[in-house]
Amino acid sequence: MHTFVEATTVQQLGPVSRRVVELFDTVGEWPLPDNSSVAGLLHISEPHLRRLLAGESTSMGALRAHHYSATAVRCLRRGESVSALSARLGYSESRAFRRAFRRWTGVPPSAIRQ
């Protein structure tokens, strides 16, 4: 049986990454703000945000994936169905969500529910 282990905890993130993750947490599950909105909320330009995140060896895409994977794991553990979760997170079909989930976590959603 596979066990999901988050590769990066919030405490391990750099200061800018941590602020982005905290911003995502306050926004909720869906939809997350786009890159320019995040930069504006942090009072920096979008290119500067990209440079700062690159300096912390991450990107907005990686932080979004981390947020979505953590949200998905939490919802699956609460018993939410894959089809309901995939629709709520904006996926057109549950198969696309399953592929994304496996990319994020390395395991299929069914491994989390066990």
Foldseek 3Di string as FASTA:
>chain_A
DDDFDQPDDLVRFDPLLNVQLVQQVVVDQPDDDDQQVSCVVVVHGSVVSQVVQVVRVHGPVLSNLSSNLVVLLVCVCVPDDLQVSCVVNPHPGSVVVQVSNCVSGVDGSVVSND
